[in-house]
Amino acid sequence: MVFGFAKQSGGYAELESAPGRGTTVTIMLPLAKAEVKDEVSPEVPAAPESPSATGPATILVVEDDPLVRAQVAMSIRSLGYEVIEVADGPAALQEIEGERRIDLLFTDIVMPGGMNGRELAAKACTARPGLRVLFTSGYSDNVFIRDGRREAGPRLLGKPYRRPDLARMLREVLEEHRPGGNGAAKPIASTA
């Protein structure tokens, strides 16, 4: 995530580590060109947005970091969606194979436990054809690059992201695959 944030901001990150001495992370960011205003207006939280034209949606959140998972789930709930939270691919598959309604899989790509987010999405879409998928990753620069080109289909929300970006992407993915929307679910390629 640190590397992804630095690169996304136009900078870079260096890690230096030595046994018995610890690790130092240095982040270099470009100088801001905008003037800093003396007045800071407090951010007013937005009212919960309508999940979709077809009613409330249930989102399965797959994130191995418990603090990140709790924060993401809280943000998604505040947008009016139902949330199911799990820590890894195998737990997500148990939910997918269960009886609960799941409209969208929101999964990190890099996860421990022997199954990454892409493998999870492929299995989930096989078990539930038409399931919508939104990926997230701190390594957003090259995660969907194959043979020098960006793969068509998979939707990615790079970390770190803001709540408005999360709301927009969830709404877009839910709307583009709903009946009467802009198209059918796209297949997800599975890679290790």
C-alpha atoms as a PDB file:
ATOM      1  CA  MET A   1       0.000   0.000   0.000  1.00  0.00           C
ATOM      2  CA  VAL A   2       2.861   2.380   0.797  1.00  0.00           C
ATOM      3  CA  PHE A   3       4.448   1.787  -2.607  1.00  0.00           C
ATOM      4  CA  GLY A   4       1.071   2.147  -4.349  1.00  0.00           C
ATOM      5  CA  PHE A   5       0.311   5.415  -2.546  1.00  0.00           C
ATOM      6  CA  ALA A   6       3.733   6.902  -3.324  1.00  0.00           C
ATOM      7  CA  LYS A   7       3.614   5.876  -7.005  1.00  0.00           C
ATOM      8  CA  GLN A   8       0.008   7.042  -7.408  1.00  0.00           C
ATOM      9  CA  SER A   9       1.041  10.425  -5.981  1.00  0.00           C
ATOM     10  CA  GLY A  10       3.914  10.823  -8.438  1.00  0.00           C
ATOM     11  CA  GLY A  11       6.619   9.885  -5.960  1.00  0.00           C
ATOM     12  CA  TYR A  12       8.449   6.773  -4.865  1.00  0.00           C
ATOM     13  CA  ALA A  13       9.181   4.708  -1.753  1.00  0.00           C
ATOM     14  CA  GLU A  14      12.416   3.144  -0.524  1.00  0.00           C
ATOM     15  CA  LEU A  15      12.736   0.424   2.090  1.00  0.00           C
ATOM     16  CA  GLU A  16      15.924  -0.234   3.998  1.00  0.00           C
ATOM     17  CA  SER A  17      16.098  -3.156   6.383  1.00  0.00           C
ATOM     18  CA  ALA A  18      18.863  -4.745   8.440  1.00  0.00           C
ATOM     19  CA  PRO A  19      18.680  -7.637  10.921  1.00  0.00           C
ATOM     20  CA  GLY A  20      18.625  -6.335  14.467  1.00  0.00           C
ATOM     21  CA  ARG A  21      18.294  -2.706  13.315  1.00  0.00           C
ATOM     22  CA  GLY A  22      14.750  -2.634  11.974  1.00  0.00           C
ATOM     23  CA  THR A  23      13.261  -1.210   8.815  1.00  0.00           C
ATOM     24  CA  THR A  24      13.167   2.353   7.528  1.00  0.00           C
ATOM     25  CA  VAL A  25      10.599   3.418   4.941  1.00  0.00           C
ATOM     26  CA  THR A  26      11.313   6.640   3.060  1.00  0.00           C
ATOM     27  CA  ILE A  27       8.556   8.183   0.972  1.00  0.00           C
ATOM     28  CA  MET A  28       9.430  10.940  -1.470  1.00  0.00           C
ATOM     29  CA  LEU A  29       6.506  12.944  -2.845  1.00  0.00           C
ATOM     30  CA  PRO A  30       6.510  15.814  -5.343  1.00  0.00           C
ATOM     31  CA  LEU A  31       6.177  19.352  -4.055  1.00  0.00           C
ATOM     32  CA  ALA A  32       2.586  20.604  -4.125  1.00  0.00           C
ATOM     33  CA  LYS A  33       2.021  23.390  -6.662  1.00  0.00           C
ATOM     34  CA  ALA A  34      -1.195  24.782  -5.163  1.00  0.00           C
ATOM     35  CA  GLU A  35      -1.245  27.510  -2.541  1.00  0.00           C
ATOM     36  CA  VAL A  36      -2.314  26.523   0.939  1.00  0.00           C
ATOM     37  CA  LYS A  37      -5.327  28.492   2.135  1.00  0.00           C
ATOM     38  CA  ASP A  38      -5.542  29.713   5.711  1.00  0.00           C
ATOM     39  CA  GLU A  39      -9.171  28.678   5.971  1.00  0.00           C
ATOM     40  CA  VAL A  40      -9.959  25.004   6.175  1.00  0.00           C
ATOM     41  CA  SER A  41     -13.591  24.128   5.622  1.00  0.00           C
ATOM     42  CA  PRO A  42     -14.708  21.015   7.465  1.00  0.00           C
ATOM     43  CA  GLU A  43     -15.816  18.175   5.255  1.00  0.00           C
ATOM     44  CA  VAL A  44     -19.520  17.558   5.613  1.00  0.00           C
ATOM     45  CA  PRO A  45     -20.359  13.879   5.343  1.00  0.00           C
ATOM     46  CA  ALA A  46     -22.532  13.098   2.370  1.00  0.00           C
ATOM     47  CA  ALA A  47     -25.971  11.647   2.882  1.00  0.00           C
ATOM     48  CA  PRO A  48     -26.214   7.934   2.192  1.00  0.00           C
ATOM     49  CA  GLU A  49     -26.623   7.320  -1.516  1.00  0.00           C
ATOM     50  CA  SER A  50     -29.249   5.068  -3.009  1.00  0.00           C
ATOM     51  CA  PRO A  51     -27.491   1.748  -3.718  1.00  0.00           C
ATOM     52  CA  SER A  52     -29.173   1.101  -7.044  1.00  0.00           C
ATOM     53  CA  ALA A  53     -32.359   1.598  -8.954  1.00  0.00           C
ATOM     54  CA  THR A  54     -33.334  -2.011  -8.239  1.00  0.00           C
ATOM     55  CA  GLY A  55     -33.142  -1.705  -4.438  1.00  0.00           C
ATOM     56  CA  PRO A  56     -30.532  -2.460  -1.793  1.00  0.00           C
ATOM     57  CA  ALA A  57     -27.532  -4.577  -2.680  1.00  0.00           C
ATOM     58  CA  THR A  58     -25.429  -6.970  -0.622  1.00  0.00           C
ATOM     59  CA  ILE A  59     -21.669  -6.688  -0.938  1.00  0.00           C
ATOM     60  CA  LEU A  60     -19.205  -9.380   0.126  1.00  0.00           C
ATOM     61  CA  VAL A  61     -16.023  -7.636   1.353  1.00  0.00           C
ATOM     62  CA  VAL A  62     -12.863  -9.774   1.313  1.00  0.00           C
ATOM     63  CA  GLU A  63      -9.904  -8.125   3.071  1.00  0.00           C
ATOM     64  CA  ASP A  64      -7.260  -9.853   5.199  1.00  0.00           C
ATOM     65  CA  ASP A  65      -6.341  -6.798   7.330  1.00  0.00           C
ATOM     66  CA  PRO A  66      -8.979  -6.585  10.106  1.00  0.00           C
ATOM     67  CA  LEU A  67      -8.686  -2.801  10.548  1.00  0.00           C
ATOM     68  CA  VAL A  68      -8.969  -2.113   6.822  1.00  0.00           C
ATOM     69  CA  ARG A  69     -11.845  -4.593   6.545  1.00  0.00           C
ATOM     70  CA  ALA A  70     -13.756  -2.914   9.400  1.00  0.00           C
ATOM     71  CA  GLN A  71     -13.227   0.562   7.906  1.00  0.00           C
ATOM     72  CA  VAL A  72     -14.292  -0.510   4.415  1.00  0.00           C
ATOM     73  CA  ALA A  73     -17.363  -2.323   5.744  1.00  0.00           C
ATOM     74  CA  MET A  74     -18.366   0.738   7.772  1.00  0.00           C
ATOM     75  CA  SER A  75     -17.971   2.992   4.712  1.00  0.00           C
ATOM     76  CA  ILE A  76     -20.025   0.659   2.523  1.00  0.00           C
ATOM     77  CA  ARG A  77     -22.776   0.355   5.141  1.00  0.00           C
ATOM     78  CA  SER A  78     -22.910   4.151   5.403  1.00  0.00           C
ATOM     79  CA  LEU A  79     -23.708   4.189   1.665  1.00  0.00           C
ATOM     80  CA  GLY A  80     -26.824   2.087   2.311  1.00  0.00           C
ATOM     81  CA  TYR A  81     -25.566  -1.347   1.288  1.00  0.00           C
ATOM     82  CA  GLU A  82     -25.719  -4.612   3.231  1.00  0.00           C
ATOM     83  CA  VAL A  83     -22.224  -5.997   3.959  1.00  0.00           C
ATOM     84  CA  ILE A  84     -20.825  -9.458   4.593  1.00  0.00           C
ATOM     85  CA  GLU A  85     -17.209  -9.339   5.847  1.00  0.00           C
ATOM     86  CA  VAL A  86     -14.634 -12.133   5.513  1.00  0.00           C
ATOM     87  CA  ALA A  87     -10.843 -12.311   5.860  1.00  0.00           C
ATOM     88  CA  ASP A  88      -9.806 -14.608   3.003  1.00  0.00           C
ATOM     89  CA  GLY A  89     -10.742 -16.505  -0.136  1.00  0.00           C
ATOM     90  CA  PRO A  90     -11.845 -19.779   1.487  1.00  0.00           C
ATOM     91  CA  ALA A  91     -14.207 -17.924   3.854  1.00  0.00           C
ATOM     92  CA  ALA A  92     -15.557 -15.929   0.911  1.00  0.00           C
ATOM     93  CA  LEU A  93     -16.246 -19.120  -1.045  1.00  0.00           C
ATOM     94  CA  GLN A  94     -18.217 -20.489   1.916  1.00  0.00           C
ATOM     95  CA  GLU A  95     -20.431 -17.385   1.731  1.00  0.00           C
ATOM     96  CA  ILE A  96     -20.693 -17.651  -2.075  1.00  0.00           C
ATOM     97  CA  GLU A  97     -21.768 -21.293  -1.819  1.00  0.00           C
ATOM     98  CA  GLY A  98     -24.310 -20.444   0.885  1.00  0.00           C
ATOM     99  CA  GLU A  99     -27.872 -19.225   0.534  1.00  0.00           C
ATOM    100  CA  ARG A 100     -27.356 -15.520   1.305  1.00  0.00           C
ATOM    101  CA  ARG A 101     -27.920 -12.948  -1.398  1.00  0.00           C
ATOM    102  CA  ILE A 102     -24.647 -11.484  -2.726  1.00  0.00           C
ATOM    103  CA  ASP A 103     -24.761  -8.891  -5.494  1.00  0.00           C
ATOM    104  CA  LEU A 104     -21.111  -7.859  -5.623  1.00  0.00           C
ATOM    105  CA  LEU A 105     -17.766  -9.299  -4.578  1.00  0.00           C
ATOM    106  CA  PHE A 106     -15.356  -6.553  -3.406  1.00  0.00           C
ATOM    107  CA  THR A 107     -12.000  -8.247  -2.953  1.00  0.00           C
ATOM    108  CA  ASP A 108      -8.386  -7.373  -2.414  1.00  0.00           C
ATOM    109  CA  ILE A 109      -6.151  -9.000  -5.012  1.00  0.00           C
ATOM    110  CA  VAL A 110      -3.179  -9.860  -2.806  1.00  0.00           C
ATOM    111  CA  MET A 111      -4.256 -12.090   0.087  1.00  0.00           C
ATOM    112  CA  PRO A 112      -2.686 -14.814   2.213  1.00  0.00           C
ATOM    113  CA  GLY A 113      -4.128 -18.291   2.560  1.00  0.00           C
ATOM    114  CA  GLY A 114      -3.338 -19.823  -0.816  1.00  0.00           C
ATOM    115  CA  MET A 115      -5.970 -18.000  -2.888  1.00  0.00           C
ATOM    116  CA  ASN A 116      -5.589 -14.524  -4.353  1.00  0.00           C
ATOM    117  CA  GLY A 117      -8.459 -12.235  -5.316  1.00  0.00           C
ATOM    118  CA  ARG A 118      -8.365 -13.159  -8.994  1.00  0.00           C
ATOM    119  CA  GLU A 119      -8.606 -16.881  -8.232  1.00  0.00           C
ATOM    120  CA  LEU A 120     -11.416 -16.165  -5.774  1.00  0.00           C
ATOM    121  CA  ALA A 121     -13.324 -14.132  -8.378  1.00  0.00           C
ATOM    122  CA  ALA A 122     -13.000 -16.882 -10.989  1.00  0.00           C
ATOM    123  CA  LYS A 123     -14.362 -19.515  -8.580  1.00  0.00           C
ATOM    124  CA  ALA A 124     -17.077 -17.177  -7.288  1.00  0.00           C
ATOM    125  CA  CYS A 125     -18.284 -16.326 -10.803  1.00  0.00           C
ATOM    126  CA  THR A 126     -18.394 -20.034 -11.666  1.00  0.00           C
ATOM    127  CA  ALA A 127     -20.487 -20.723  -8.555  1.00  0.00           C
ATOM    128  CA  ARG A 128     -22.700 -17.670  -9.112  1.00  0.00           C
ATOM    129  CA  PRO A 129     -22.837 -16.710 -12.787  1.00  0.00           C
ATOM    130  CA  GLY A 130     -23.494 -13.009 -13.217  1.00  0.00           C
ATOM    131  CA  LEU A 131     -21.895 -12.083  -9.875  1.00  0.00           C
ATOM    132  CA  ARG A 132     -20.420  -8.586 -10.103  1.00  0.00           C
ATOM    133  CA  VAL A 133     -16.781  -8.127  -9.052  1.00  0.00           C
ATOM    134  CA  LEU A 134     -14.783  -5.090  -7.997  1.00  0.00           C
ATOM    135  CA  PHE A 135     -11.105  -5.575  -7.178  1.00  0.00           C
ATOM    136  CA  THR A 136      -8.954  -3.406  -4.935  1.00  0.00           C
ATOM    137  CA  SER A 137      -5.180  -3.334  -4.578  1.00  0.00           C
ATOM    138  CA  GLY A 138      -2.313  -1.178  -3.413  1.00  0.00           C
ATOM    139  CA  TYR A 139      -0.370  -2.439  -6.435  1.00  0.00           C
ATOM    140  CA  SER A 140      -2.683  -0.855  -8.990  1.00  0.00           C
ATOM    141  CA  ASP A 141      -0.096  -0.027 -11.651  1.00  0.00           C
ATOM    142  CA  ASN A 142       0.403  -3.458 -13.156  1.00  0.00           C
ATOM    143  CA  VAL A 143      -2.059  -5.877 -11.607  1.00  0.00           C
ATOM    144  CA  PHE A 144      -4.127  -6.270 -14.800  1.00  0.00           C
ATOM    145  CA  ILE A 145      -1.315  -5.932 -17.341  1.00  0.00           C
ATOM    146  CA  ARG A 146      -0.755  -8.871 -19.688  1.00  0.00           C
ATOM    147  CA  ASP A 147       1.657  -8.840 -22.579  1.00  0.00           C
ATOM    148  CA  GLY A 148       2.139  -5.095 -22.080  1.00  0.00           C
ATOM    149  CA  ARG A 149      -1.602  -4.288 -22.282  1.00  0.00           C
ATOM    150  CA  ARG A 150      -4.357  -3.656 -19.754  1.00  0.00           C
ATOM    151  CA  GLU A 151      -6.832  -6.541 -19.627  1.00  0.00           C
ATOM    152  CA  ALA A 152     -10.398  -5.684 -20.592  1.00  0.00           C
ATOM    153  CA  GLY A 153     -13.148  -6.391 -18.113  1.00  0.00           C
ATOM    154  CA  PRO A 154     -11.911  -6.421 -14.517  1.00  0.00           C
ATOM    155  CA  ARG A 155     -12.737  -3.272 -12.537  1.00  0.00           C
ATOM    156  CA  LEU A 156     -10.094  -2.040 -10.076  1.00  0.00           C
ATOM    157  CA  LEU A 157     -10.216   0.534  -7.289  1.00  0.00           C
ATOM    158  CA  GLY A 158      -6.623   1.368  -6.351  1.00  0.00           C
ATOM    159  CA  LYS A 159      -5.623   1.790  -2.700  1.00  0.00           C
ATOM    160  CA  PRO A 160      -5.693   4.186  -1.041  1.00  0.00           C
ATOM    161  CA  TYR A 161      -9.106   5.425  -2.126  1.00  0.00           C
ATOM    162  CA  ARG A 162     -11.573   7.972  -0.817  1.00  0.00           C
ATOM    163  CA  ARG A 163     -15.171   7.274   0.165  1.00  0.00           C
ATOM    164  CA  PRO A 164     -16.613   9.138  -2.877  1.00  0.00           C
ATOM    165  CA  ASP A 165     -14.443   7.000  -5.195  1.00  0.00           C
ATOM    166  CA  LEU A 166     -15.621   3.834  -3.433  1.00  0.00           C
ATOM    167  CA  ALA A 167     -19.271   4.943  -3.722  1.00  0.00           C
ATOM    168  CA  ARG A 168     -18.903   5.757  -7.429  1.00  0.00           C
ATOM    169  CA  MET A 169     -17.180   2.472  -8.312  1.00  0.00           C
ATOM    170  CA  LEU A 170     -19.662   0.335  -6.372  1.00  0.00           C
ATOM    171  CA  ARG A 171     -22.577   2.098  -8.058  1.00  0.00           C
ATOM    172  CA  GLU A 172     -20.981   1.784 -11.526  1.00  0.00           C
ATOM    173  CA  VAL A 173     -20.257  -1.929 -11.165  1.00  0.00           C
ATOM    174  CA  LEU A 174     -23.712  -2.663  -9.759  1.00  0.00           C
ATOM    175  CA  GLU A 175     -25.438  -0.650 -12.478  1.00  0.00           C
ATOM    176  CA  GLU A 176     -23.456  -1.927 -15.463  1.00  0.00           C
ATOM    177  CA  HIS A 177     -24.416  -5.524 -14.763  1.00  0.00           C
ATOM    178  CA  ARG A 178     -27.990  -5.198 -13.509  1.00  0.00           C
ATOM    179  CA  PRO A 179     -30.900  -6.308 -15.676  1.00  0.00           C
ATOM    180  CA  GLY A 180     -31.542  -3.513 -18.159  1.00  0.00           C
ATOM    181  CA  GLY A 181     -28.050  -2.092 -17.472  1.00  0.00           C
ATOM    182  CA  ASN A 182     -25.203  -1.698 -19.919  1.00  0.00           C
ATOM    183  CA  GLY A 183     -24.268  -5.329 -20.346  1.00  0.00           C
ATOM    184  CA  ALA A 184     -23.723  -8.760 -18.932  1.00  0.00           C
ATOM    185  CA  ALA A 185     -21.047  -9.688 -16.423  1.00  0.00           C
ATOM    186  CA  LYS A 186     -17.622 -10.055 -17.965  1.00  0.00           C
ATOM    187  CA  PRO A 187     -15.618 -13.210 -17.348  1.00  0.00           C
ATOM    188  CA  ILE A 188     -12.666 -12.958 -14.993  1.00  0.00           C
ATOM    189  CA  ALA A 189      -9.374 -14.516 -16.085  1.00  0.00           C
ATOM    190  CA  SER A 190      -7.680 -16.521 -13.359  1.00  0.00           C
ATOM    191  CA  THR A 191      -3.955 -16.195 -12.850  1.00  0.00           C
ATOM    192  CA  ALA A 192      -1.718 -17.083  -9.967  1.00  0.00           C
END
